[in-house]
Amino acid sequence: MAIGKKDRIRARRRALRVKSKIKQVSSQPRVSIFRSSKHIYAQIIDDKAQKTVASCSSAQLKSAGDKTDQARLAGLELAKRAKANGVESVVFDRGQFKYHGRVKALADGLREGGLKL
């Protein structure tokens, strides 16, 4: 089996594992993230109403620093937008991405911004 195929299988398993745990706490909105090679994107989704409450990405922000700093600032901005829409507590849906580096920095930014994860 090719290495790329093994990586895709592992990523899919991680995503399904996270998804099954999030379904247990479906009463809260979830923060869904996507990490590309340049930017990180996050949105808060209310699954009951099937609406996006707030969204933010590092591409929207004009900031200096490395990508980890930009992810933390995106988390702060997303928390600010969520507070404006009345969201206090969320569930963190990291999807297929491991919880370290930029993903962890975004979660830390959300906590700094006042959201309860």
PDB file of N, CA and C in Angstrom:
ATOM      1  N   MET A   1       0.850  -1.171   0.000  1.00  0.00           N
ATOM      2  CA  MET A   1       0.000   0.000   0.000  1.00  0.00           C
ATOM      3  C   MET A   1       0.899   1.239   0.000  1.00  0.00           C
ATOM      4  N   ALA A   2       0.560   2.213  -0.805  1.00  0.00           N
ATOM      5  CA  ALA A   2       1.361   3.433  -0.910  1.00  0.00           C
ATOM      6  C   ALA A   2       1.268   4.247   0.379  1.00  0.00           C
ATOM      7  N   ILE A   3       2.328   4.980   0.667  1.00  0.00           N
ATOM      8  CA  ILE A   3       2.373   5.763   1.904  1.00  0.00           C
ATOM      9  C   ILE A   3       1.272   6.818   1.915  1.00  0.00           C
ATOM     10  N   GLY A   4       1.017   7.458   0.793  1.00  0.00           N
ATOM     11  CA  GLY A   4      -0.032   8.468   0.726  1.00  0.00           C
ATOM     12  C   GLY A   4      -1.396   7.889   1.044  1.00  0.00           C
ATOM     13  N   LYS A   5      -1.640   6.671   0.601  1.00  0.00           N
ATOM     14  CA  LYS A   5      -2.920   6.027   0.869  1.00  0.00           C
ATOM     15  C   LYS A   5      -3.055   5.716   2.354  1.00  0.00           C
ATOM     16  N   LYS A   6      -1.972   5.286   2.987  1.00  0.00           N
ATOM     17  CA  LYS A   6      -1.998   5.007   4.425  1.00  0.00           C
ATOM     18  C   LYS A   6      -2.288   6.282   5.214  1.00  0.00           C
ATOM     19  N   ASP A   7      -1.693   7.388   4.791  1.00  0.00           N
ATOM     20  CA  ASP A   7      -1.933   8.663   5.469  1.00  0.00           C
ATOM     21  C   ASP A   7      -3.389   9.077   5.355  1.00  0.00           C
ATOM     22  N   ARG A   8      -3.977   8.900   4.179  1.00  0.00           N
ATOM     23  CA  ARG A   8      -5.388   9.245   3.994  1.00  0.00           C
ATOM     24  C   ARG A   8      -6.286   8.362   4.853  1.00  0.00           C
ATOM     25  N   ILE A   9      -5.942   7.085   4.968  1.00  0.00           N
ATOM     26  CA  ILE A   9      -6.734   6.174   5.801  1.00  0.00           C
ATOM     27  C   ILE A   9      -6.649   6.599   7.261  1.00  0.00           C
ATOM     28  N   ARG A  10      -5.450   6.929   7.738  1.00  0.00           N
ATOM     29  CA  ARG A  10      -5.286   7.371   9.126  1.00  0.00           C
ATOM     30  C   ARG A  10      -6.052   8.658   9.388  1.00  0.00           C
ATOM     31  N   ALA A  11      -5.989   9.598   8.446  1.00  0.00           N
ATOM     32  CA  ALA A  11      -6.691  10.869   8.607  1.00  0.00           C
ATOM     33  C   ALA A  11      -8.196  10.638   8.659  1.00  0.00           C
ATOM     34  N   ARG A  12      -8.701   9.759   7.823  1.00  0.00           N
ATOM     35  CA  ARG A  12     -10.134   9.474   7.811  1.00  0.00           C
ATOM     36  C   ARG A  12     -10.572   8.830   9.124  1.00  0.00           C
ATOM     37  N   ARG A  13      -9.749   7.915   9.654  1.00  0.00           N
ATOM     38  CA  ARG A  13     -10.069   7.284  10.936  1.00  0.00           C
ATOM     39  C   ARG A  13     -10.107   8.312  12.058  1.00  0.00           C
ATOM     40  N   ARG A  14      -9.133   9.233  12.048  1.00  0.00           N
ATOM     41  CA  ARG A  14      -9.117  10.291  13.065  1.00  0.00           C
ATOM     42  C   ARG A  14     -10.376  11.125  12.981  1.00  0.00           C
ATOM     43  N   ALA A  15     -10.766  11.504  11.762  1.00  0.00           N
ATOM     44  CA  ALA A  15     -11.953  12.340  11.575  1.00  0.00           C
ATOM     45  C   ALA A  15     -13.209  11.621  12.077  1.00  0.00           C
ATOM     46  N   LEU A  16     -13.332  10.333  11.780  1.00  0.00           N
ATOM     47  CA  LEU A  16     -14.513   9.583  12.233  1.00  0.00           C
ATOM     48  C   LEU A  16     -14.529   9.445  13.747  1.00  0.00           C
ATOM     49  N   ARG A  17     -13.353   9.260  14.351  1.00  0.00           N
ATOM     50  CA  ARG A  17     -13.276   9.138  15.803  1.00  0.00           C
ATOM     51  C   ARG A  17     -13.716  10.437  16.475  1.00  0.00           C
ATOM     52  N   VAL A  18     -13.259  11.564  15.945  1.00  0.00           N
ATOM     53  CA  VAL A  18     -13.635  12.866  16.493  1.00  0.00           C
ATOM     54  C   VAL A  18     -15.127  13.107  16.289  1.00  0.00           C
ATOM     55  N   LYS A  19     -15.615  12.775  15.113  1.00  0.00           N
ATOM     56  CA  LYS A  19     -17.028  12.999  14.798  1.00  0.00           C
ATOM     57  C   LYS A  19     -17.947  12.207  15.723  1.00  0.00           C
ATOM     58  N   SER A  20     -17.573  10.972  16.045  1.00  0.00           N
ATOM     59  CA  SER A  20     -18.417  10.158  16.912  1.00  0.00           C
ATOM     60  C   SER A  20     -18.474  10.728  18.328  1.00  0.00           C
ATOM     61  N   LYS A  21     -17.383  11.318  18.799  1.00  0.00           N
ATOM     62  CA  LYS A  21     -17.382  11.913  20.129  1.00  0.00           C
ATOM     63  C   LYS A  21     -18.164  13.219  20.157  1.00  0.00           C
ATOM     64  N   ILE A  22     -18.135  13.956  19.068  1.00  0.00           N
ATOM     65  CA  ILE A  22     -18.851  15.227  19.015  1.00  0.00           C
ATOM     66  C   ILE A  22     -20.357  15.011  18.952  1.00  0.00           C
ATOM     67  N   LYS A  23     -20.795  13.946  18.322  1.00  0.00           N
ATOM     68  CA  LYS A  23     -22.228  13.661  18.244  1.00  0.00           C
ATOM     69  C   LYS A  23     -22.835  13.450  19.630  1.00  0.00           C
ATOM     70  N   GLN A  24     -22.020  13.023  20.594  1.00  0.00           N
ATOM     71  CA  GLN A  24     -22.520  12.804  21.944  1.00  0.00           C
ATOM     72  C   GLN A  24     -22.852  14.124  22.634  1.00  0.00           C
ATOM     73  N   VAL A  25     -22.216  15.218  22.214  1.00  0.00           N
ATOM     74  CA  VAL A  25     -22.414  16.532  22.834  1.00  0.00           C
ATOM     75  C   VAL A  25     -22.991  17.471  21.778  1.00  0.00           C
ATOM     76  N   SER A  26     -24.070  17.065  21.158  1.00  0.00           N
ATOM     77  CA  SER A  26     -24.578  17.812  20.016  1.00  0.00           C
ATOM     78  C   SER A  26     -25.428  19.022  20.391  1.00  0.00           C
ATOM     79  N   SER A  27     -25.597  19.289  21.689  1.00  0.00           N
ATOM     80  CA  SER A  27     -26.432  20.420  22.076  1.00  0.00           C
ATOM     81  C   SER A  27     -25.710  21.755  21.910  1.00  0.00           C
ATOM     82  N   GLN A  28     -24.388  21.732  21.846  1.00  0.00           N
ATOM     83  CA  GLN A  28     -23.612  22.961  21.721  1.00  0.00           C
ATOM     84  C   GLN A  28     -23.197  23.178  20.269  1.00  0.00           C
ATOM     85  N   PRO A  29     -22.962  24.434  19.885  1.00  0.00           N
ATOM     86  CA  PRO A  29     -22.394  24.680  18.560  1.00  0.00           C
ATOM     87  C   PRO A  29     -20.975  24.115  18.487  1.00  0.00           C
ATOM     88  N   ARG A  30     -20.521  23.812  17.289  1.00  0.00           N
ATOM     89  CA  ARG A  30     -19.174  23.266  17.154  1.00  0.00           C
ATOM     90  C   ARG A  30     -18.288  24.183  16.333  1.00  0.00           C
ATOM     91  N   VAL A  31     -17.010  24.165  16.653  1.00  0.00           N
ATOM     92  CA  VAL A  31     -16.016  24.914  15.905  1.00  0.00           C
ATOM     93  C   VAL A  31     -15.361  23.939  14.945  1.00  0.00           C
ATOM     94  N   SER A  32     -15.631  24.084  13.672  1.00  0.00           N
ATOM     95  CA  SER A  32     -15.054  23.226  12.650  1.00  0.00           C
ATOM     96  C   SER A  32     -13.861  23.946  12.038  1.00  0.00           C
ATOM     97  N   ILE A  33     -12.743  23.233  11.877  1.00  0.00           N
ATOM     98  CA  ILE A  33     -11.550  23.875  11.353  1.00  0.00           C
ATOM     99  C   ILE A  33     -11.069  23.174  10.094  1.00  0.00           C
ATOM    100  N   PHE A  34     -10.329  23.923   9.302  1.00  0.00           N
ATOM    101  CA  PHE A  34      -9.607  23.388   8.152  1.00  0.00           C
ATOM    102  C   PHE A  34      -8.249  24.054   8.127  1.00  0.00           C
ATOM    103  N   ARG A  35      -7.215  23.246   8.000  1.00  0.00           N
ATOM    104  CA  ARG A  35      -5.850  23.767   7.975  1.00  0.00           C
ATOM    105  C   ARG A  35      -5.243  23.469   6.615  1.00  0.00           C
ATOM    106  N   SER A  36      -4.900  24.518   5.891  1.00  0.00           N
ATOM    107  CA  SER A  36      -4.186  24.334   4.632  1.00  0.00           C
ATOM    108  C   SER A  36      -2.712  24.597   4.878  1.00  0.00           C
ATOM    109  N   SER A  37      -1.918  24.552   3.843  1.00  0.00           N
ATOM    110  CA  SER A  37      -0.488  24.767   4.030  1.00  0.00           C
ATOM    111  C   SER A  37      -0.171  26.224   4.360  1.00  0.00           C
ATOM    112  N   LYS A  38      -1.040  27.156   3.955  1.00  0.00           N
ATOM    113  CA  LYS A  38      -0.782  28.579   4.207  1.00  0.00           C
ATOM    114  C   LYS A  38      -1.646  29.168   5.310  1.00  0.00           C
ATOM    115  N   HIS A  39      -2.907  28.763   5.384  1.00  0.00           N
ATOM    116  CA  HIS A  39      -3.850  29.416   6.292  1.00  0.00           C
ATOM    117  C   HIS A  39      -4.607  28.386   7.120  1.00  0.00           C
ATOM    118  N   ILE A  40      -5.323  28.904   8.110  1.00  0.00           N
ATOM    119  CA  ILE A  40      -6.227  28.073   8.907  1.00  0.00           C
ATOM    120  C   ILE A  40      -7.592  28.762   8.908  1.00  0.00           C
ATOM    121  N   TYR A  41      -8.623  27.966   8.728  1.00  0.00           N
ATOM    122  CA  TYR A  41      -9.984  28.471   8.626  1.00  0.00           C
ATOM    123  C   TYR A  41     -10.813  27.837   9.735  1.00  0.00           C
ATOM    124  N   ALA A  42     -11.690  28.615  10.344  1.00  0.00           N
ATOM    125  CA  ALA A  42     -12.543  28.090  11.409  1.00  0.00           C
ATOM    126  C   ALA A  42     -13.920  28.723  11.301  1.00  0.00           C
ATOM    127  N   GLN A  43     -14.927  27.919  11.631  1.00  0.00           N
ATOM    128  CA  GLN A  43     -16.287  28.436  11.656  1.00  0.00           C
ATOM    129  C   GLN A  43     -17.055  27.767  12.777  1.00  0.00           C
ATOM    130  N   ILE A  44     -17.957  28.516  13.363  1.00  0.00           N
ATOM    131  CA  ILE A  44     -18.815  27.993  14.415  1.00  0.00           C
ATOM    132  C   ILE A  44     -20.153  27.664  13.778  1.00  0.00           C
ATOM    133  N   ILE A  45     -20.554  26.402  13.913  1.00  0.00           N
ATOM    134  CA  ILE A  45     -21.743  25.899  13.247  1.00  0.00           C
ATOM    135  C   ILE A  45     -22.753  25.448  14.296  1.00  0.00           C
ATOM    136  N   ASP A  46     -23.990  25.900  14.142  1.00  0.00           N
ATOM    137  CA  ASP A  46     -25.093  25.422  14.968  1.00  0.00           C
ATOM    138  C   ASP A  46     -25.774  24.305  14.184  1.00  0.00           C
ATOM    139  N   ASP A  47     -25.556  23.057  14.594  1.00  0.00           N
ATOM    140  CA  ASP A  47     -26.061  21.917  13.836  1.00  0.00           C
ATOM    141  C   ASP A  47     -27.581  21.774  13.918  1.00  0.00           C
ATOM    142  N   LYS A  48     -28.179  22.248  15.000  1.00  0.00           N
ATOM    143  CA  LYS A  48     -29.635  22.162  15.115  1.00  0.00           C
ATOM    144  C   LYS A  48     -30.314  23.054  14.078  1.00  0.00           C
ATOM    145  N   ALA A  49     -29.841  24.293  13.979  1.00  0.00           N
ATOM    146  CA  ALA A  49     -30.414  25.229  13.017  1.00  0.00           C
ATOM    147  C   ALA A  49     -29.764  25.120  11.647  1.00  0.00           C
ATOM    148  N   GLN A  50     -28.688  24.357  11.539  1.00  0.00           N
ATOM    149  CA  GLN A  50     -27.920  24.196  10.308  1.00  0.00           C
ATOM    150  C   GLN A  50     -27.490  25.545   9.738  1.00  0.00           C
ATOM    151  N   LYS A  51     -26.906  26.357  10.624  1.00  0.00           N
ATOM    152  CA  LYS A  51     -26.446  27.694  10.239  1.00  0.00           C
ATOM    153  C   LYS A  51     -25.020  27.899  10.733  1.00  0.00           C
ATOM    154  N   THR A  52     -24.281  28.705  10.006  1.00  0.00           N
ATOM    155  CA  THR A  52     -22.960  29.123  10.454  1.00  0.00           C
ATOM    156  C   THR A  52     -23.141  30.391  11.280  1.00  0.00           C
ATOM    157  N   VAL A  53     -22.727  30.338  12.536  1.00  0.00           N
ATOM    158  CA  VAL A  53     -22.897  31.460  13.450  1.00  0.00           C
ATOM    159  C   VAL A  53     -21.819  32.509  13.213  1.00  0.00           C
ATOM    160  N   ALA A  54     -20.562  32.069  13.105  1.00  0.00           N
ATOM    161  CA  ALA A  54     -19.447  32.988  12.888  1.00  0.00           C
ATOM    162  C   ALA A  54     -18.332  32.232  12.186  1.00  0.00           C
ATOM    163  N   SER A  55     -17.504  32.971  11.451  1.00  0.00           N
ATOM    164  CA  SER A  55     -16.366  32.355  10.792  1.00  0.00           C
ATOM    165  C   SER A  55     -15.205  33.330  10.743  1.00  0.00           C
ATOM    166  N   CYS A  56     -14.009  32.783  10.636  1.00  0.00           N
ATOM    167  CA  CYS A  56     -12.808  33.600  10.565  1.00  0.00           C
ATOM    168  C   CYS A  56     -11.680  32.748   9.983  1.00  0.00           C
ATOM    169  N   SER A  57     -10.722  33.394   9.382  1.00  0.00           N
ATOM    170  CA  SER A  57      -9.559  32.679   8.873  1.00  0.00           C
ATOM    171  C   SER A  57      -8.326  33.566   8.994  1.00  0.00           C
ATOM    172  N   SER A  58      -7.187  32.940   8.943  1.00  0.00           N
ATOM    173  CA  SER A  58      -5.946  33.708   8.996  1.00  0.00           C
ATOM    174  C   SER A  58      -5.739  34.480   7.705  1.00  0.00           C
ATOM    175  N   ALA A  59      -6.419  34.102   6.634  1.00  0.00           N
ATOM    176  CA  ALA A  59      -6.310  34.828   5.373  1.00  0.00           C
ATOM    177  C   ALA A  59      -6.991  36.197   5.456  1.00  0.00           C
ATOM    178  N   GLN A  60      -8.009  36.318   6.317  1.00  0.00           N
ATOM    179  CA  GLN A  60      -8.728  37.582   6.468  1.00  0.00           C
ATOM    180  C   GLN A  60      -7.959  38.592   7.310  1.00  0.00           C
ATOM    181  N   LEU A  61      -7.065  38.099   8.136  1.00  0.00           N
ATOM    182  CA  LEU A  61      -6.371  38.962   9.086  1.00  0.00           C
ATOM    183  C   LEU A  61      -5.056  39.457   8.513  1.00  0.00           C
ATOM    184  N   LYS A  62      -4.786  40.715   8.707  1.00  0.00           N
ATOM    185  CA  LYS A  62      -3.507  41.296   8.299  1.00  0.00           C
ATOM    186  C   LYS A  62      -2.610  41.297   9.525  1.00  0.00           C
ATOM    187  N   SER A  63      -1.748  40.297   9.624  1.00  0.00           N
ATOM    188  CA  SER A  63      -0.901  40.215  10.803  1.00  0.00           C
ATOM    189  C   SER A  63       0.476  39.697  10.428  1.00  0.00           C
ATOM    190  N   ALA A  64       1.441  40.116  11.194  1.00  0.00           N
ATOM    191  CA  ALA A  64       2.801  39.635  11.003  1.00  0.00           C
ATOM    192  C   ALA A  64       3.021  38.446  11.931  1.00  0.00           C
ATOM    193  N   GLY A  65       4.120  37.796  11.775  1.00  0.00           N
ATOM    194  CA  GLY A  65       4.427  36.656  12.624  1.00  0.00           C
ATOM    195  C   GLY A  65       4.307  35.359  11.852  1.00  0.00           C
ATOM    196  N   ASP A  66       4.593  34.283  12.542  1.00  0.00           N
ATOM    197  CA  ASP A  66       4.522  32.987  11.876  1.00  0.00           C
ATOM    198  C   ASP A  66       3.079  32.482  11.845  1.00  0.00           C
ATOM    199  N   LYS A  67       2.888  31.326  11.231  1.00  0.00           N
ATOM    200  CA  LYS A  67       1.538  30.806  11.036  1.00  0.00           C
ATOM    201  C   LYS A  67       0.858  30.426  12.353  1.00  0.00           C
ATOM    202  N   THR A  68       1.656  30.042  13.351  1.00  0.00           N
ATOM    203  CA  THR A  68       1.079  29.707  14.651  1.00  0.00           C
ATOM    204  C   THR A  68       0.498  30.947  15.322  1.00  0.00           C
ATOM    205  N   ASP A  69       1.210  32.062  15.235  1.00  0.00           N
ATOM    206  CA  ASP A  69       0.692  33.317  15.781  1.00  0.00           C
ATOM    207  C   ASP A  69      -0.568  33.757  15.051  1.00  0.00           C
ATOM    208  N   GLN A  70      -0.576  33.581  13.748  1.00  0.00           N
ATOM    209  CA  GLN A  70      -1.748  33.950  12.965  1.00  0.00           C
ATOM    210  C   GLN A  70      -2.950  33.086  13.343  1.00  0.00           C
ATOM    211  N   ALA A  71      -2.717  31.806  13.625  1.00  0.00           N
ATOM    212  CA  ALA A  71      -3.814  30.921  14.041  1.00  0.00           C
ATOM    213  C   ALA A  71      -4.378  31.365  15.386  1.00  0.00           C
ATOM    214  N   ARG A  72      -3.505  31.760  16.321  1.00  0.00           N
ATOM    215  CA  ARG A  72      -3.982  32.228  17.622  1.00  0.00           C
ATOM    216  C   ARG A  72      -4.807  33.496  17.464  1.00  0.00           C
ATOM    217  N   LEU A  73      -4.355  34.414  16.607  1.00  0.00           N
ATOM    218  CA  LEU A  73      -5.106  35.651  16.364  1.00  0.00           C
ATOM    219  C   LEU A  73      -6.453  35.363  15.686  1.00  0.00           C
ATOM    220  N   ALA A  74      -6.484  34.368  14.799  1.00  0.00           N
ATOM    221  CA  ALA A  74      -7.748  33.978  14.172  1.00  0.00           C
ATOM    222  C   ALA A  74      -8.704  33.429  15.227  1.00  0.00           C
ATOM    223  N   GLY A  75      -8.181  32.683  16.202  1.00  0.00           N
ATOM    224  CA  GLY A  75      -9.009  32.180  17.293  1.00  0.00           C
ATOM    225  C   GLY A  75      -9.573  33.299  18.147  1.00  0.00           C
ATOM    226  N   LEU A  76      -8.743  34.304  18.439  1.00  0.00           N
ATOM    227  CA  LEU A  76      -9.218  35.465  19.208  1.00  0.00           C
ATOM    228  C   LEU A  76     -10.326  36.201  18.465  1.00  0.00           C
ATOM    229  N   GLU A  77     -10.134  36.396  17.165  1.00  0.00           N
ATOM    230  CA  GLU A  77     -11.133  37.100  16.359  1.00  0.00           C
ATOM    231  C   GLU A  77     -12.433  36.300  16.267  1.00  0.00           C
ATOM    232  N   LEU A  78     -12.316  34.993  16.112  1.00  0.00           N
ATOM    233  CA  LEU A  78     -13.508  34.150  16.046  1.00  0.00           C
ATOM    234  C   LEU A  78     -14.262  34.168  17.363  1.00  0.00           C
ATOM    235  N   ALA A  79     -13.540  34.157  18.470  1.00  0.00           N
ATOM    236  CA  ALA A  79     -14.188  34.228  19.785  1.00  0.00           C
ATOM    237  C   ALA A  79     -14.929  35.551  19.938  1.00  0.00           C
ATOM    238  N   LYS A  80     -14.325  36.628  19.465  1.00  0.00           N
ATOM    239  CA  LYS A  80     -14.978  37.941  19.541  1.00  0.00           C
ATOM    240  C   LYS A  80     -16.271  37.953  18.720  1.00  0.00           C
ATOM    241  N   ARG A  81     -16.222  37.388  17.526  1.00  0.00           N
ATOM    242  CA  ARG A  81     -17.411  37.341  16.672  1.00  0.00           C
ATOM    243  C   ARG A  81     -18.487  36.431  17.266  1.00  0.00           C
ATOM    244  N   ALA A  82     -18.070  35.344  17.893  1.00  0.00           N
ATOM    245  CA  ALA A  82     -19.033  34.427  18.503  1.00  0.00           C
ATOM    246  C   ALA A  82     -19.713  35.079  19.699  1.00  0.00           C
ATOM    247  N   LYS A  83     -18.941  35.802  20.518  1.00  0.00           N
ATOM    248  CA  LYS A  83     -19.514  36.507  21.673  1.00  0.00           C
ATOM    249  C   LYS A  83     -20.548  37.526  21.210  1.00  0.00           C
ATOM    250  N   ALA A  84     -20.261  38.193  20.088  1.00  0.00           N
ATOM    251  CA  ALA A  84     -21.202  39.176  19.554  1.00  0.00           C
ATOM    252  C   ALA A  84     -22.514  38.515  19.131  1.00  0.00           C
ATOM    253  N   ASN A  85     -22.453  37.240  18.738  1.00  0.00           N
ATOM    254  CA  ASN A  85     -23.657  36.508  18.335  1.00  0.00           C
ATOM    255  C   ASN A  85     -24.269  35.704  19.468  1.00  0.00           C
ATOM    256  N   GLY A  86     -23.745  35.855  20.682  1.00  0.00           N
ATOM    257  CA  GLY A  86     -24.351  35.224  21.841  1.00  0.00           C
ATOM    258  C   GLY A  86     -23.896  33.808  22.132  1.00  0.00           C
ATOM    259  N   VAL A  87     -22.780  33.386  21.575  1.00  0.00           N
ATOM    260  CA  VAL A  87     -22.270  32.039  21.822  1.00  0.00           C
ATOM    261  C   VAL A  87     -21.246  32.104  22.951  1.00  0.00           C
ATOM    262  N   GLU A  88     -21.438  31.286  23.977  1.00  0.00           N
ATOM    263  CA  GLU A  88     -20.523  31.266  25.122  1.00  0.00           C
ATOM    264  C   GLU A  88     -19.703  29.991  25.204  1.00  0.00           C
ATOM    265  N   SER A  89     -20.290  28.867  24.774  1.00  0.00           N
ATOM    266  CA  SER A  89     -19.645  27.566  24.914  1.00  0.00           C
ATOM    267  C   SER A  89     -19.747  26.809  23.598  1.00  0.00           C
ATOM    268  N   VAL A  90     -18.661  26.150  23.191  1.00  0.00           N
ATOM    269  CA  VAL A  90     -18.619  25.418  21.928  1.00  0.00           C
ATOM    270  C   VAL A  90     -17.913  24.084  22.122  1.00  0.00           C
ATOM    271  N   VAL A  91     -18.052  23.225  21.122  1.00  0.00           N
ATOM    272  CA  VAL A  91     -17.324  21.963  21.054  1.00  0.00           C
ATOM    273  C   VAL A  91     -16.298  22.094  19.941  1.00  0.00           C
ATOM    274  N   PHE A  92     -15.071  21.678  20.204  1.00  0.00           N
ATOM    275  CA  PHE A  92     -13.986  21.832  19.234  1.00  0.00           C
ATOM    276  C   PHE A  92     -13.921  20.612  18.334  1.00  0.00           C
ATOM    277  N   ASP A  93     -14.180  20.803  17.048  1.00  0.00           N
ATOM    278  CA  ASP A  93     -14.133  19.735  16.045  1.00  0.00           C
ATOM    279  C   ASP A  93     -12.867  19.921  15.216  1.00  0.00           C
ATOM    280  N   ARG A  94     -11.829  19.176  15.559  1.00  0.00           N
ATOM    281  CA  ARG A  94     -10.557  19.320  14.855  1.00  0.00           C
ATOM    282  C   ARG A  94     -10.527  18.517  13.570  1.00  0.00           C
ATOM    283  N   GLY A  95     -11.527  17.674  13.353  1.00  0.00           N
ATOM    284  CA  GLY A  95     -11.589  16.892  12.127  1.00  0.00           C
ATOM    285  C   GLY A  95     -10.436  15.913  12.024  1.00  0.00           C
ATOM    286  N   GLN A  96      -9.774  15.897  10.890  1.00  0.00           N
ATOM    287  CA  GLN A  96      -8.676  14.969  10.666  1.00  0.00           C
ATOM    288  C   GLN A  96      -7.334  15.496  11.147  1.00  0.00           C
ATOM    289  N   PHE A  97      -7.310  16.721  11.657  1.00  0.00           N
ATOM    290  CA  PHE A  97      -6.050  17.360  12.006  1.00  0.00           C
ATOM    291  C   PHE A  97      -5.668  17.057  13.447  1.00  0.00           C
ATOM    292  N   LYS A  98      -4.404  16.747  13.660  1.00  0.00           N
ATOM    293  CA  LYS A  98      -3.917  16.446  14.998  1.00  0.00           C
ATOM    294  C   LYS A  98      -3.931  17.715  15.845  1.00  0.00           C
ATOM    295  N   TYR A  99      -4.153  17.532  17.144  1.00  0.00           N
ATOM    296  CA  TYR A  99      -4.247  18.666  18.060  1.00  0.00           C
ATOM    297  C   TYR A  99      -2.844  19.073  18.513  1.00  0.00           C
ATOM    298  N   HIS A 100      -2.142  19.789  17.664  1.00  0.00           N
ATOM    299  CA  HIS A 100      -0.861  20.379  18.012  1.00  0.00           C
ATOM    300  C   HIS A 100      -0.552  21.467  17.003  1.00  0.00           C
ATOM    301  N   GLY A 101       0.398  22.310  17.310  1.00  0.00           N
ATOM    302  CA  GLY A 101       0.790  23.361  16.380  1.00  0.00           C
ATOM    303  C   GLY A 101      -0.285  24.400  16.183  1.00  0.00           C
ATOM    304  N   ARG A 102      -0.640  24.629  14.914  1.00  0.00           N
ATOM    305  CA  ARG A 102      -1.606  25.679  14.590  1.00  0.00           C
ATOM    306  C   ARG A 102      -3.008  25.375  15.092  1.00  0.00           C
ATOM    307  N   VAL A 103      -3.381  24.104  15.119  1.00  0.00           N
ATOM    308  CA  VAL A 103      -4.712  23.727  15.610  1.00  0.00           C
ATOM    309  C   VAL A 103      -4.816  24.045  17.099  1.00  0.00           C
ATOM    310  N   LYS A 104      -3.781  23.699  17.842  1.00  0.00           N
ATOM    311  CA  LYS A 104      -3.764  23.986  19.276  1.00  0.00           C
ATOM    312  C   LYS A 104      -3.732  25.493  19.518  1.00  0.00           C
ATOM    313  N   ALA A 105      -2.986  26.233  18.708  1.00  0.00           N
ATOM    314  CA  ALA A 105      -2.909  27.690  18.857  1.00  0.00           C
ATOM    315  C   ALA A 105      -4.266  28.331  18.619  1.00  0.00           C
ATOM    316  N   LEU A 106      -5.024  27.829  17.641  1.00  0.00           N
ATOM    317  CA  LEU A 106      -6.362  28.363  17.394  1.00  0.00           C
ATOM    318  C   LEU A 106      -7.269  28.092  18.592  1.00  0.00           C
ATOM    319  N   ALA A 107      -7.198  26.892  19.154  1.00  0.00           N
ATOM    320  CA  ALA A 107      -8.012  26.562  20.333  1.00  0.00           C
ATOM    321  C   ALA A 107      -7.628  27.434  21.520  1.00  0.00           C
ATOM    322  N   ASP A 108      -6.333  27.683  21.691  1.00  0.00           N
ATOM    323  CA  ASP A 108      -5.885  28.561  22.776  1.00  0.00           C
ATOM    324  C   ASP A 108      -6.384  29.984  22.576  1.00  0.00           C
ATOM    325  N   GLY A 109      -6.412  30.445  21.323  1.00  0.00           N
ATOM    326  CA  GLY A 109      -6.948  31.767  21.027  1.00  0.00           C
ATOM    327  C   GLY A 109      -8.427  31.865  21.341  1.00  0.00           C
ATOM    328  N   LEU A 110      -9.173  30.796  21.071  1.00  0.00           N
ATOM    329  CA  LEU A 110     -10.591  30.780  21.412  1.00  0.00           C
ATOM    330  C   LEU A 110     -10.784  30.880  22.927  1.00  0.00           C
ATOM    331  N   ARG A 111      -9.955  30.148  23.665  1.00  0.00           N
ATOM    332  CA  ARG A 111     -10.060  30.208  25.132  1.00  0.00           C
ATOM    333  C   ARG A 111      -9.681  31.579  25.655  1.00  0.00           C
ATOM    334  N   GLU A 112      -8.623  32.181  25.090  1.00  0.00           N
ATOM    335  CA  GLU A 112      -8.221  33.530  25.490  1.00  0.00           C
ATOM    336  C   GLU A 112      -9.324  34.545  25.213  1.00  0.00           C
ATOM    337  N   GLY A 113     -10.063  34.314  24.123  1.00  0.00           N
ATOM    338  CA  GLY A 113     -11.147  35.207  23.748  1.00  0.00           C
ATOM    339  C   GLY A 113     -12.386  35.067  24.621  1.00  0.00           C
ATOM    340  N   GLY A 114     -12.412  34.051  25.478  1.00  0.00           N
ATOM    341  CA  GLY A 114     -13.514  33.924  26.413  1.00  0.00           C
ATOM    342  C   GLY A 114     -14.498  32.814  26.111  1.00  0.00           C
ATOM    343  N   LEU A 115     -14.261  32.004  25.085  1.00  0.00           N
ATOM    344  CA  LEU A 115     -15.157  30.885  24.814  1.00  0.00           C
ATOM    345  C   LEU A 115     -14.769  29.694  25.673  1.00  0.00           C
ATOM    346  N   LYS A 116     -15.760  28.930  26.062  1.00  0.00           N
ATOM    347  CA  LYS A 116     -15.515  27.725  26.841  1.00  0.00           C
ATOM    348  C   LYS A 116     -15.508  26.537  25.896  1.00  0.00           C
ATOM    349  N   LEU A 117     -14.377  25.846  25.836  1.00  0.00           N
ATOM    350  CA  LEU A 117     -14.262  24.659  24.964  1.00  0.00           C
ATOM    351  C   LEU A 117     -14.448  23.406  25.784  1.00  0.00           C
TER     352      LEU A 117
END
